[in-house]
Amino acid sequence: MRDPKRAMCAVILVLQAIVLGLTTPVLISVVEVDVTLAIVVGLGLAVLCVLTAGMLRRPWAYGVGWAIQVATLALGFLITAMFALGVIFGSLWAGAVVLGNRIAADRAAWAAEEGAAEPQ
């Protein structure tokens, strides 16, 4: 069975990668950040999101996911709208982690009940 936490967190990170990739032209044209810095920050975070989504089989990748949420929120100091998007994605990430853990625990409990209920 697929791990629900990993699936939900991966979806959040892929969607977040799209948003972070789109911050690059905003950083360049609206905020007038140096092109190199904008590419490193915007596209770098987007690539990190995609790589982390693929690495969610490993427990440490969830820590990287939390760091991405903090970095997204910190982008608000350059692009004010990113404060709101950082809160939204951080909330979605936290919800995916909590709900995914709860679903996995419920599945394990149901499997244990089914195993105990079967005649031997």
Protein backbone atom coordinates (compact mmCIF):
# COMPACT_ATOMS: atom_id res chain seq x y z
CA MET A 1 0.00 0.00 0.00
CA ARG A 2 1.19 3.53 -0.72
CA ASP A 3 2.22 5.70 2.17
CA PRO A 4 -0.44 8.46 2.36
CA LYS A 5 1.90 10.94 4.04
CA ARG A 6 4.53 10.56 1.34
CA ALA A 7 1.96 10.90 -1.44
CA MET A 8 0.32 14.02 -0.01
CA CYS A 9 3.63 15.70 0.85
CA ALA A 10 5.00 14.97 -2.62
CA VAL A 11 1.98 16.62 -4.23
CA ILE A 12 2.41 19.70 -2.03
CA LEU A 13 6.10 19.96 -2.95
CA VAL A 14 5.45 19.62 -6.69
CA LEU A 15 2.79 22.35 -6.58
CA GLN A 16 5.12 24.47 -4.49
CA ALA A 17 7.89 23.94 -7.06
CA ILE A 18 5.66 25.48 -9.73
CA VAL A 19 4.95 28.52 -7.57
CA LEU A 20 8.60 28.95 -6.59
CA GLY A 21 9.70 28.62 -10.21
CA LEU A 22 7.29 31.41 -11.12
CA THR A 23 8.86 33.68 -8.50
CA THR A 24 12.01 33.93 -10.62
CA PRO A 25 10.61 36.34 -13.24
CA VAL A 26 8.88 38.30 -10.47
CA LEU A 27 12.17 38.65 -8.62
CA ILE A 28 13.89 39.86 -11.79
CA SER A 29 11.30 42.21 -13.26
CA VAL A 30 9.27 43.48 -10.31
CA VAL A 31 11.66 43.41 -7.37
CA GLU A 32 14.73 44.00 -9.59
CA VAL A 33 16.88 41.41 -7.86
CA ASP A 34 20.11 40.44 -9.62
CA VAL A 35 19.34 37.84 -12.30
CA THR A 36 21.83 35.31 -10.93
CA LEU A 37 20.46 35.60 -7.41
CA ALA A 38 16.88 35.35 -8.67
CA ILE A 39 17.66 32.19 -10.63
CA VAL A 40 19.51 30.61 -7.71
CA VAL A 41 16.72 31.42 -5.26
CA GLY A 42 13.63 30.85 -7.41
CA LEU A 43 14.69 27.94 -9.57
CA GLY A 44 16.97 26.53 -6.89
CA LEU A 45 14.09 26.20 -4.45
CA ALA A 46 11.86 24.79 -7.20
CA VAL A 47 14.42 22.10 -8.06
CA LEU A 48 14.92 21.38 -4.36
CA CYS A 49 11.16 20.84 -4.01
CA VAL A 50 11.09 18.32 -6.85
CA LEU A 51 14.18 16.49 -5.58
CA THR A 52 12.79 16.37 -2.05
CA ALA A 53 9.46 15.06 -3.33
CA GLY A 54 11.36 12.17 -4.86
CA MET A 55 13.36 11.53 -1.68
CA LEU A 56 10.40 11.31 0.72
CA ARG A 57 11.08 7.59 1.22
CA ARG A 58 13.80 8.71 3.60
CA PRO A 59 12.79 10.23 6.95
CA TRP A 60 15.29 13.09 6.74
CA ALA A 61 13.58 14.40 3.59
CA TYR A 62 10.66 15.60 5.71
CA GLY A 63 13.10 17.87 7.55
CA VAL A 64 14.20 19.28 4.20
CA GLY A 65 10.52 19.80 3.39
CA TRP A 66 10.10 21.84 6.58
CA ALA A 67 13.19 23.88 5.62
CA ILE A 68 11.62 24.57 2.21
CA GLN A 69 8.52 25.86 3.98
CA VAL A 70 10.64 28.25 6.05
CA ALA A 71 12.53 29.40 2.93
CA THR A 72 9.25 30.00 1.10
CA LEU A 73 8.01 32.11 3.98
CA ALA A 74 11.34 33.99 4.09
CA LEU A 75 10.90 34.92 0.42
CA GLY A 76 8.21 37.24 1.72
CA PHE A 77 10.96 39.69 2.62
CA LEU A 78 11.62 40.08 -1.10
CA ILE A 79 8.11 39.51 -2.50
CA THR A 80 5.42 40.46 0.02
CA ALA A 81 2.88 38.05 -1.48
CA MET A 82 5.16 35.16 -0.54
CA PHE A 83 4.30 35.70 3.12
CA ALA A 84 0.74 34.63 2.31
CA LEU A 85 1.86 31.82 -0.01
CA GLY A 86 4.40 30.68 2.58
CA VAL A 87 1.68 30.42 5.21
CA ILE A 88 -0.60 28.58 2.78
CA PHE A 89 2.03 26.06 1.70
CA GLY A 90 3.30 25.66 5.26
CA SER A 91 -0.22 24.90 6.42
CA LEU A 92 -0.76 22.45 3.58
CA TRP A 93 2.57 20.76 4.38
CA ALA A 94 1.77 20.50 8.10
CA GLY A 95 -1.70 19.18 7.30
CA ALA A 96 -0.29 16.58 4.92
CA VAL A 97 2.22 15.38 7.52
CA VAL A 98 -0.32 15.20 10.35
CA LEU A 99 -3.14 13.72 8.27
CA GLY A 100 -0.79 11.28 6.54
CA ASN A 101 0.46 10.01 9.90
CA ARG A 102 -3.11 9.66 11.15
CA ILE A 103 -4.21 7.72 8.06
CA ALA A 104 -1.20 5.40 8.35
CA ALA A 105 -1.94 4.77 12.03
CA ASP A 106 -5.61 4.06 11.26
CA ARG A 107 -4.64 1.65 8.48
CA ALA A 108 -2.28 -0.18 10.85
CA ALA A 109 -5.01 -0.39 13.52
CA TRP A 110 -7.53 -1.73 10.99
CA ALA A 111 -5.04 -4.30 9.73
CA ALA A 112 -4.37 -5.41 13.32
CA GLU A 113 -8.11 -5.72 13.99
CA GLU A 114 -8.61 -7.75 10.82
CA GLY A 115 -5.71 -10.00 11.76
CA ALA A 116 -7.13 -10.56 15.25
CA ALA A 117 -10.66 -11.17 13.94
CA GLU A 118 -9.67 -13.92 11.48
CA PRO A 119 -10.31 -17.48 12.71
CA GLN A 120 -7.25 -19.61 13.15
